[in-house]
Amino acid sequence: MLAKRIIPCLDIKDGMTVKGIKFVELKTVGDPVELAAAYADQGADELVFLDITATHEGRKTLIDLVHRIARHINIPFTVGGGISELKDAEALLNAGADKISINSSAVRRPELIDEMAQSFGNQFVVVAIDAKKETKGNDWAVTVNGGRILTEKRLFSWAREAESRGAGEILFTSMDHDGVKQGFANEALARISTELSIPVIASGGAGSMAHFRDAFTLGKADAALAASVFHYNEIPIPTLKEYLRKEGIEVR
């Protein structure tokens, strides 16, 4: 079994790291270059950078900022936000990204997943899915534009399609759990992880070290991503990894 990964996330708006609750009420929490370097030093396994307003504002990802962060870290670096064509991905990879995360653009034109996988390799392609639990039934509605727009796509079928088109990983964020710190959407995570053969990253809901444990055991996730608990030093990464080891979970 592969070791589980701990991944801090930098949500970027106007060049600064921000964090909100359920994708709204965004507050500035710090300089992304400084935070990235600190997380690499603390033992984070990877880093995710999401330019959360790029698609909504109709612009490209902040390439200069990506380049500056990449120079300060030595861990795998995933970048997303505003990527709608191959040349966007290529520019970010050239700036220092190790993987590319696509979300809204993939929902609108799923062929982009195929194109990126064929051009760069499956291991470079992360399909991020932001979804809300439906009031009836057990499915989740997929959203785009930073959670602003509901779509007709549904979480489980879309995750399967993304894998079939060449996604190397799925990053699933539960909008209902985001920033609430009550735990991850473990039931949905477990279903995605069971139905897919590619790694699944849990996102949305981390509030305690036990929540990470549950994402790996109950949710069967391969990695767990969080923001505010790391940004505010509520859970230091070395402490979290030691806790997980004591719980019998293999971490890097």
C-alpha atoms as a PDB file:
ATOM      1  CA  MET A   1       0.000   0.000   0.000  1.00  0.00           C
ATOM      2  CA  LEU A   2       1.268   3.445  -0.886  1.00  0.00           C
ATOM      3  CA  ALA A   3       1.920   5.850   1.960  1.00  0.00           C
ATOM      4  CA  LYS A   4      -0.826   8.413   2.525  1.00  0.00           C
ATOM      5  CA  ARG A   5      -0.047  12.005   1.599  1.00  0.00           C
ATOM      6  CA  ILE A   6      -0.643  15.237   3.512  1.00  0.00           C
ATOM      7  CA  ILE A   7      -1.204  18.203   1.198  1.00  0.00           C
ATOM      8  CA  PRO A   8      -1.555  21.862   2.230  1.00  0.00           C
ATOM      9  CA  CYS A   9      -3.578  23.964  -0.200  1.00  0.00           C
ATOM     10  CA  LEU A  10      -2.944  27.583  -1.140  1.00  0.00           C
ATOM     11  CA  ASP A  11      -6.152  29.191  -2.392  1.00  0.00           C
ATOM     12  CA  ILE A  12      -4.995  32.321  -4.197  1.00  0.00           C
ATOM     13  CA  LYS A  13      -6.929  35.555  -4.786  1.00  0.00           C
ATOM     14  CA  ASP A  14      -5.266  38.791  -5.904  1.00  0.00           C
ATOM     15  CA  GLY A  15      -1.851  37.210  -5.351  1.00  0.00           C
ATOM     16  CA  MET A  16      -2.442  36.363  -1.690  1.00  0.00           C
ATOM     17  CA  THR A  17      -3.437  33.181   0.124  1.00  0.00           C
ATOM     18  CA  VAL A  18      -7.066  33.278   1.266  1.00  0.00           C
ATOM     19  CA  LYS A  19      -9.477  30.945   3.046  1.00  0.00           C
ATOM     20  CA  GLY A  20     -13.237  30.962   3.383  1.00  0.00           C
ATOM     21  CA  ILE A  21     -16.156  28.792   4.467  1.00  0.00           C
ATOM     22  CA  LYS A  22     -18.105  26.916   1.787  1.00  0.00           C
ATOM     23  CA  PHE A  23     -16.203  28.920  -0.845  1.00  0.00           C
ATOM     24  CA  VAL A  24     -17.361  32.366   0.443  1.00  0.00           C
ATOM     25  CA  GLU A  25     -16.324  34.901   3.139  1.00  0.00           C
ATOM     26  CA  LEU A  26     -12.720  34.816   1.962  1.00  0.00           C
ATOM     27  CA  LYS A  27     -10.075  36.154   4.343  1.00  0.00           C
ATOM     28  CA  THR A  28      -6.415  36.810   3.596  1.00  0.00           C
ATOM     29  CA  VAL A  29      -4.137  34.498   5.568  1.00  0.00           C
ATOM     30  CA  GLY A  30      -0.662  35.164   4.253  1.00  0.00           C
ATOM     31  CA  ASP A  31       1.973  35.395   1.561  1.00  0.00           C
ATOM     32  CA  PRO A  32       1.859  32.269  -0.645  1.00  0.00           C
ATOM     33  CA  VAL A  33       5.627  32.091  -1.214  1.00  0.00           C
ATOM     34  CA  GLU A  34       6.369  32.210   2.522  1.00  0.00           C
ATOM     35  CA  LEU A  35       3.640  29.667   3.315  1.00  0.00           C
ATOM     36  CA  ALA A  36       4.794  27.303   0.574  1.00  0.00           C
ATOM     37  CA  ALA A  37       8.393  27.344   1.819  1.00  0.00           C
ATOM     38  CA  ALA A  38       7.256  26.767   5.399  1.00  0.00           C
ATOM     39  CA  TYR A  39       5.108  23.764   4.429  1.00  0.00           C
ATOM     40  CA  ALA A  40       7.938  22.196   2.447  1.00  0.00           C
ATOM     41  CA  ASP A  41      10.202  22.595   5.490  1.00  0.00           C
ATOM     42  CA  GLN A  42       7.570  21.087   7.808  1.00  0.00           C
ATOM     43  CA  GLY A  43       7.347  17.869   5.803  1.00  0.00           C
ATOM     44  CA  ALA A  44       4.301  18.360   3.574  1.00  0.00           C
ATOM     45  CA  ASP A  45       4.253  15.673   0.879  1.00  0.00           C
ATOM     46  CA  GLU A  46       2.903  17.932  -1.856  1.00  0.00           C
ATOM     47  CA  LEU A  47       1.542  21.424  -2.331  1.00  0.00           C
ATOM     48  CA  VAL A  48      -1.575  22.499  -4.231  1.00  0.00           C
ATOM     49  CA  PHE A  49      -1.951  26.041  -5.601  1.00  0.00           C
ATOM     50  CA  LEU A  50      -5.440  27.049  -6.769  1.00  0.00           C
ATOM     51  CA  ASP A  51      -6.024  30.443  -8.373  1.00  0.00           C
ATOM     52  CA  ILE A  52      -9.647  30.377  -7.237  1.00  0.00           C
ATOM     53  CA  THR A  53     -10.954  33.404  -9.137  1.00  0.00           C
ATOM     54  CA  ALA A  54      -9.089  32.977 -12.444  1.00  0.00           C
ATOM     55  CA  THR A  55     -11.932  31.187 -14.247  1.00  0.00           C
ATOM     56  CA  HIS A  56     -14.632  33.458 -12.822  1.00  0.00           C
ATOM     57  CA  GLU A  57     -12.620  36.552 -13.787  1.00  0.00           C
ATOM     58  CA  GLY A  58     -11.856  35.126 -17.236  1.00  0.00           C
ATOM     59  CA  ARG A  59      -8.082  35.272 -16.897  1.00  0.00           C
ATOM     60  CA  LYS A  60      -5.104  32.936 -16.779  1.00  0.00           C
ATOM     61  CA  THR A  61      -3.303  31.604 -13.708  1.00  0.00           C
ATOM     62  CA  LEU A  62      -0.708  33.849 -12.062  1.00  0.00           C
ATOM     63  CA  ILE A  63       2.365  32.355 -13.735  1.00  0.00           C
ATOM     64  CA  ASP A  64       4.928  34.651 -12.100  1.00  0.00           C
ATOM     65  CA  LEU A  65       3.673  33.641  -8.648  1.00  0.00           C
ATOM     66  CA  VAL A  66       3.823  29.958  -9.595  1.00  0.00           C
ATOM     67  CA  HIS A  67       7.426  30.430 -10.698  1.00  0.00           C
ATOM     68  CA  ARG A  68       8.369  32.181  -7.434  1.00  0.00           C
ATOM     69  CA  ILE A  69       6.804  29.444  -5.314  1.00  0.00           C
ATOM     70  CA  ALA A  70       8.435  26.649  -7.326  1.00  0.00           C
ATOM     71  CA  ARG A  71      11.865  28.168  -6.639  1.00  0.00           C
ATOM     72  CA  HIS A  72      11.278  27.884  -2.866  1.00  0.00           C
ATOM     73  CA  ILE A  73      10.025  24.300  -2.570  1.00  0.00           C
ATOM     74  CA  ASN A  74      11.348  20.812  -3.283  1.00  0.00           C
ATOM     75  CA  ILE A  75       8.085  18.834  -3.122  1.00  0.00           C
ATOM     76  CA  PRO A  76       5.559  18.018  -5.887  1.00  0.00           C
ATOM     77  CA  PHE A  77       3.582  21.106  -6.835  1.00  0.00           C
ATOM     78  CA  THR A  78       0.077  21.004  -8.370  1.00  0.00           C
ATOM     79  CA  VAL A  79      -1.347  24.169  -9.927  1.00  0.00           C
ATOM     80  CA  GLY A  80      -4.921  24.918 -10.977  1.00  0.00           C
ATOM     81  CA  GLY A  81      -7.209  27.788 -11.902  1.00  0.00           C
ATOM     82  CA  GLY A  82      -7.965  29.350 -15.290  1.00  0.00           C
ATOM     83  CA  ILE A  83      -6.445  26.496 -17.310  1.00  0.00           C
ATOM     84  CA  SER A  84      -8.539  26.014 -20.436  1.00  0.00           C
ATOM     85  CA  GLU A  85      -6.123  24.850 -23.132  1.00  0.00           C
ATOM     86  CA  LEU A  86      -2.878  22.950 -23.577  1.00  0.00           C
ATOM     87  CA  LYS A  87      -0.708  26.044 -23.842  1.00  0.00           C
ATOM     88  CA  ASP A  88      -1.918  27.182 -20.394  1.00  0.00           C
ATOM     89  CA  ALA A  89      -0.789  23.881 -18.898  1.00  0.00           C
ATOM     90  CA  GLU A  90       2.501  23.942 -20.765  1.00  0.00           C
ATOM     91  CA  ALA A  91       3.276  27.448 -19.497  1.00  0.00           C
ATOM     92  CA  LEU A  92       2.647  26.372 -15.897  1.00  0.00           C
ATOM     93  CA  LEU A  93       4.738  23.224 -16.223  1.00  0.00           C
ATOM     94  CA  ASN A  94       7.539  25.383 -17.626  1.00  0.00           C
ATOM     95  CA  ALA A  95       7.113  27.742 -14.647  1.00  0.00           C
ATOM     96  CA  GLY A  96       7.730  24.901 -12.193  1.00  0.00           C
ATOM     97  CA  ALA A  97       4.430  23.076 -11.691  1.00  0.00           C
ATOM     98  CA  ASP A  98       4.702  19.288 -11.470  1.00  0.00           C
ATOM     99  CA  LYS A  99       1.017  18.589 -12.050  1.00  0.00           C
ATOM    100  CA  ILE A 100      -1.900  20.500 -13.533  1.00  0.00           C
ATOM    101  CA  SER A 101      -5.350  20.645 -11.950  1.00  0.00           C
ATOM    102  CA  ILE A 102      -8.348  21.309 -14.180  1.00  0.00           C
ATOM    103  CA  ASN A 103     -11.904  21.791 -12.993  1.00  0.00           C
ATOM    104  CA  SER A 104     -14.417  24.072 -14.727  1.00  0.00           C
ATOM    105  CA  SER A 105     -12.710  23.788 -18.119  1.00  0.00           C
ATOM    106  CA  ALA A 106     -12.884  19.983 -17.962  1.00  0.00           C
ATOM    107  CA  VAL A 107     -16.583  20.036 -17.086  1.00  0.00           C
ATOM    108  CA  ARG A 108     -17.305  22.357 -20.013  1.00  0.00           C
ATOM    109  CA  ARG A 109     -15.071  20.468 -22.457  1.00  0.00           C
ATOM    110  CA  PRO A 110     -14.200  16.985 -21.187  1.00  0.00           C
ATOM    111  CA  GLU A 111     -11.954  16.358 -24.203  1.00  0.00           C
ATOM    112  CA  LEU A 112      -9.401  18.617 -22.508  1.00  0.00           C
ATOM    113  CA  ILE A 113      -8.620  15.741 -20.129  1.00  0.00           C
ATOM    114  CA  ASP A 114      -7.799  13.448 -23.068  1.00  0.00           C
ATOM    115  CA  GLU A 115      -5.663  16.125 -24.712  1.00  0.00           C
ATOM    116  CA  MET A 116      -3.664  16.857 -21.564  1.00  0.00           C
ATOM    117  CA  ALA A 117      -3.151  13.179 -20.760  1.00  0.00           C
ATOM    118  CA  GLN A 118      -1.953  12.480 -24.300  1.00  0.00           C
ATOM    119  CA  SER A 119       0.326  15.534 -24.362  1.00  0.00           C
ATOM    120  CA  PHE A 120       1.858  15.376 -20.881  1.00  0.00           C
ATOM    121  CA  GLY A 121       0.972  11.946 -19.436  1.00  0.00           C
ATOM    122  CA  ASN A 122      -1.766  10.843 -17.029  1.00  0.00           C
ATOM    123  CA  GLN A 123       0.449  11.466 -14.000  1.00  0.00           C
ATOM    124  CA  PHE A 124       0.434  15.208 -14.760  1.00  0.00           C
ATOM    125  CA  VAL A 125      -3.369  15.535 -14.894  1.00  0.00           C
ATOM    126  CA  VAL A 126      -5.445  16.133 -11.753  1.00  0.00           C
ATOM    127  CA  VAL A 127      -9.178  16.593 -12.238  1.00  0.00           C
ATOM    128  CA  ALA A 128     -10.608  18.648  -9.388  1.00  0.00           C
ATOM    129  CA  ILE A 129     -14.310  18.261  -8.644  1.00  0.00           C
ATOM    130  CA  ASP A 130     -16.205  20.711  -6.424  1.00  0.00           C
ATOM    131  CA  ALA A 131     -19.593  19.237  -5.530  1.00  0.00           C
ATOM    132  CA  LYS A 132     -22.634  19.781  -3.312  1.00  0.00           C
ATOM    133  CA  LYS A 133     -24.737  16.992  -1.809  1.00  0.00           C
ATOM    134  CA  GLU A 134     -28.185  16.837  -3.359  1.00  0.00           C
ATOM    135  CA  THR A 135     -31.161  17.142  -1.036  1.00  0.00           C
ATOM    136  CA  LYS A 136     -32.668  13.959  -2.466  1.00  0.00           C
ATOM    137  CA  GLY A 137     -30.784  10.747  -3.156  1.00  0.00           C
ATOM    138  CA  ASN A 138     -27.124   9.953  -2.625  1.00  0.00           C
ATOM    139  CA  ASP A 139     -25.543  11.853  -5.477  1.00  0.00           C
ATOM    140  CA  TRP A 140     -23.749  15.171  -5.574  1.00  0.00           C
ATOM    141  CA  ALA A 141     -24.111  18.052  -8.036  1.00  0.00           C
ATOM    142  CA  VAL A 142     -20.866  19.198  -9.670  1.00  0.00           C
ATOM    143  CA  THR A 143     -20.221  22.954  -9.709  1.00  0.00           C
ATOM    144  CA  VAL A 144     -17.964  25.244 -11.746  1.00  0.00           C
ATOM    145  CA  ASN A 145     -16.511  28.760 -11.449  1.00  0.00           C
ATOM    146  CA  GLY A 146     -15.362  28.290  -7.873  1.00  0.00           C
ATOM    147  CA  GLY A 147     -18.656  26.772  -6.772  1.00  0.00           C
ATOM    148  CA  ARG A 148     -20.765  29.591  -8.194  1.00  0.00           C
ATOM    149  CA  ILE A 149     -22.579  27.623 -10.899  1.00  0.00           C
ATOM    150  CA  LEU A 150     -24.370  24.274 -10.559  1.00  0.00           C
ATOM    151  CA  THR A 151     -24.090  21.900 -13.515  1.00  0.00           C
ATOM    152  CA  GLU A 152     -25.975  18.830 -14.671  1.00  0.00           C
ATOM    153  CA  LYS A 153     -22.967  16.602 -14.046  1.00  0.00           C
ATOM    154  CA  ARG A 154     -22.989  14.321 -11.031  1.00  0.00           C
ATOM    155  CA  LEU A 155     -20.008  13.477  -8.864  1.00  0.00           C
ATOM    156  CA  PHE A 156     -19.635   9.723  -9.279  1.00  0.00           C
ATOM    157  CA  SER A 157     -20.318   9.459 -13.009  1.00  0.00           C
ATOM    158  CA  TRP A 158     -18.113  12.481 -13.705  1.00  0.00           C
ATOM    159  CA  ALA A 159     -15.252  11.027 -11.639  1.00  0.00           C
ATOM    160  CA  ARG A 160     -15.497   7.769 -13.597  1.00  0.00           C
ATOM    161  CA  GLU A 161     -15.524   9.652 -16.902  1.00  0.00           C
ATOM    162  CA  ALA A 162     -12.514  11.736 -15.861  1.00  0.00           C
ATOM    163  CA  GLU A 163     -10.569   8.573 -15.087  1.00  0.00           C
ATOM    164  CA  SER A 164     -11.562   6.983 -18.401  1.00  0.00           C
ATOM    165  CA  ARG A 165     -10.344  10.065 -20.267  1.00  0.00           C
ATOM    166  CA  GLY A 166      -6.910   9.960 -18.671  1.00  0.00           C
ATOM    167  CA  ALA A 167      -7.013  11.752 -15.311  1.00  0.00           C
ATOM    168  CA  GLY A 168      -4.211  10.557 -13.056  1.00  0.00           C
ATOM    169  CA  GLU A 169      -5.862  11.758  -9.836  1.00  0.00           C
ATOM    170  CA  ILE A 170      -9.188  13.098  -8.585  1.00  0.00           C
ATOM    171  CA  LEU A 171      -9.278  15.986  -6.115  1.00  0.00           C
ATOM    172  CA  PHE A 172     -12.765  15.921  -4.577  1.00  0.00           C
ATOM    173  CA  THR A 173     -13.872  18.920  -2.537  1.00  0.00           C
ATOM    174  CA  SER A 174     -17.160  18.777  -0.663  1.00  0.00           C
ATOM    175  CA  MET A 175     -18.523  22.313  -0.684  1.00  0.00           C
ATOM    176  CA  ASP A 176     -20.836  21.383   2.199  1.00  0.00           C
ATOM    177  CA  HIS A 177     -17.826  20.523   4.344  1.00  0.00           C
ATOM    178  CA  ASP A 178     -15.374  23.205   3.164  1.00  0.00           C
ATOM    179  CA  GLY A 179     -14.051  25.342   6.035  1.00  0.00           C
ATOM    180  CA  VAL A 180     -16.591  23.916   8.506  1.00  0.00           C
ATOM    181  CA  LYS A 181     -13.984  21.691  10.225  1.00  0.00           C
ATOM    182  CA  GLN A 182     -16.437  18.884  10.978  1.00  0.00           C
ATOM    183  CA  GLY A 183     -14.672  16.172   8.998  1.00  0.00           C
ATOM    184  CA  PHE A 184     -14.419  15.096   5.369  1.00  0.00           C
ATOM    185  CA  ALA A 185     -17.247  13.650   3.243  1.00  0.00           C
ATOM    186  CA  ASN A 186     -16.086  10.125   3.994  1.00  0.00           C
ATOM    187  CA  GLU A 187     -19.061   8.221   2.584  1.00  0.00           C
ATOM    188  CA  ALA A 188     -18.720   9.890  -0.818  1.00  0.00           C
ATOM    189  CA  LEU A 189     -14.935   9.591  -0.664  1.00  0.00           C
ATOM    190  CA  ALA A 190     -15.131   5.866  -0.001  1.00  0.00           C
ATOM    191  CA  ARG A 191     -17.458   5.362  -2.958  1.00  0.00           C
ATOM    192  CA  ILE A 192     -15.201   7.288  -5.344  1.00  0.00           C
ATOM    193  CA  SER A 193     -12.101   5.503  -4.047  1.00  0.00           C
ATOM    194  CA  THR A 194     -13.786   2.121  -4.479  1.00  0.00           C
ATOM    195  CA  GLU A 195     -15.141   2.827  -7.971  1.00  0.00           C
ATOM    196  CA  LEU A 196     -11.891   4.298  -9.326  1.00  0.00           C
ATOM    197  CA  SER A 197      -8.424   2.818  -9.682  1.00  0.00           C
ATOM    198  CA  ILE A 198      -6.588   6.175  -9.588  1.00  0.00           C
ATOM    199  CA  PRO A 199      -5.679   8.080  -6.396  1.00  0.00           C
ATOM    200  CA  VAL A 200      -8.341  10.236  -4.741  1.00  0.00           C
ATOM    201  CA  ILE A 201      -7.489  13.354  -2.725  1.00  0.00           C
ATOM    202  CA  ALA A 202      -9.927  14.338   0.040  1.00  0.00           C
ATOM    203  CA  SER A 203     -10.650  18.042   0.432  1.00  0.00           C
ATOM    204  CA  GLY A 204     -13.051  20.037   2.569  1.00  0.00           C
ATOM    205  CA  GLY A 205     -13.681  19.553   6.265  1.00  0.00           C
ATOM    206  CA  ALA A 206     -10.407  19.048   8.135  1.00  0.00           C
ATOM    207  CA  GLY A 207     -10.681  20.306  11.693  1.00  0.00           C
ATOM    208  CA  SER A 208      -8.820  17.746  13.782  1.00  0.00           C
ATOM    209  CA  MET A 209      -6.162  15.091  13.388  1.00  0.00           C
ATOM    210  CA  ALA A 210      -8.862  12.426  13.739  1.00  0.00           C
ATOM    211  CA  HIS A 211     -10.538  13.827  10.625  1.00  0.00           C
ATOM    212  CA  PHE A 212      -7.417  12.999   8.614  1.00  0.00           C
ATOM    213  CA  ARG A 213      -7.360   9.495  10.084  1.00  0.00           C
ATOM    214  CA  ASP A 214     -11.011   9.010   9.136  1.00  0.00           C
ATOM    215  CA  ALA A 215     -10.438  10.262   5.582  1.00  0.00           C
ATOM    216  CA  PHE A 216      -7.820   7.535   5.148  1.00  0.00           C
ATOM    217  CA  THR A 217      -9.668   4.731   6.937  1.00  0.00           C
ATOM    218  CA  LEU A 218     -13.394   5.404   6.441  1.00  0.00           C
ATOM    219  CA  GLY A 219     -13.003   7.477   3.273  1.00  0.00           C
ATOM    220  CA  LYS A 220     -10.281   5.284   1.761  1.00  0.00           C
ATOM    221  CA  ALA A 221      -8.590   8.429   0.395  1.00  0.00           C
ATOM    222  CA  ASP A 222      -5.019   8.304  -0.871  1.00  0.00           C
ATOM    223  CA  ALA A 223      -4.253  11.865   0.234  1.00  0.00           C
ATOM    224  CA  ALA A 224      -5.869  14.529   2.390  1.00  0.00           C
ATOM    225  CA  LEU A 225      -5.757  18.215   1.559  1.00  0.00           C
ATOM    226  CA  ALA A 226      -6.392  21.040   4.001  1.00  0.00           C
ATOM    227  CA  ALA A 227      -5.871  24.760   4.304  1.00  0.00           C
ATOM    228  CA  SER A 228      -6.944  26.671   7.400  1.00  0.00           C
ATOM    229  CA  VAL A 229      -5.776  24.114   9.984  1.00  0.00           C
ATOM    230  CA  PHE A 230      -2.296  24.454   8.472  1.00  0.00           C
ATOM    231  CA  HIS A 231      -2.414  28.194   7.741  1.00  0.00           C
ATOM    232  CA  TYR A 232      -3.313  29.020  11.350  1.00  0.00           C
ATOM    233  CA  ASN A 233      -0.962  26.340  12.742  1.00  0.00           C
ATOM    234  CA  GLU A 234      -3.854  24.583  14.455  1.00  0.00           C
ATOM    235  CA  ILE A 235      -2.377  21.260  13.327  1.00  0.00           C
ATOM    236  CA  PRO A 236       1.390  21.251  12.697  1.00  0.00           C
ATOM    237  CA  ILE A 237       2.266  18.810   9.912  1.00  0.00           C
ATOM    238  CA  PRO A 238       4.959  16.905  11.891  1.00  0.00           C
ATOM    239  CA  THR A 239       2.493  16.428  14.784  1.00  0.00           C
ATOM    240  CA  LEU A 240      -0.179  15.197  12.387  1.00  0.00           C
ATOM    241  CA  LYS A 241       2.140  12.658  10.774  1.00  0.00           C
ATOM    242  CA  GLU A 242       3.261  11.317  14.143  1.00  0.00           C
ATOM    243  CA  TYR A 243      -0.400  10.949  15.197  1.00  0.00           C
ATOM    244  CA  LEU A 244      -1.263   9.079  11.993  1.00  0.00           C
ATOM    245  CA  ARG A 245       1.672   6.703  12.453  1.00  0.00           C
ATOM    246  CA  LYS A 246       0.464   5.898  15.972  1.00  0.00           C
ATOM    247  CA  GLU A 247      -2.983   5.220  14.467  1.00  0.00           C
ATOM    248  CA  GLY A 248      -1.413   2.628  12.170  1.00  0.00           C
ATOM    249  CA  ILE A 249      -1.550   4.734   9.009  1.00  0.00           C
ATOM    250  CA  GLU A 250       1.561   4.760   6.855  1.00  0.00           C
ATOM    251  CA  VAL A 251       2.653   8.284   5.943  1.00  0.00           C
ATOM    252  CA  ARG A 252       5.756   9.550   4.216  1.00  0.00           C
END
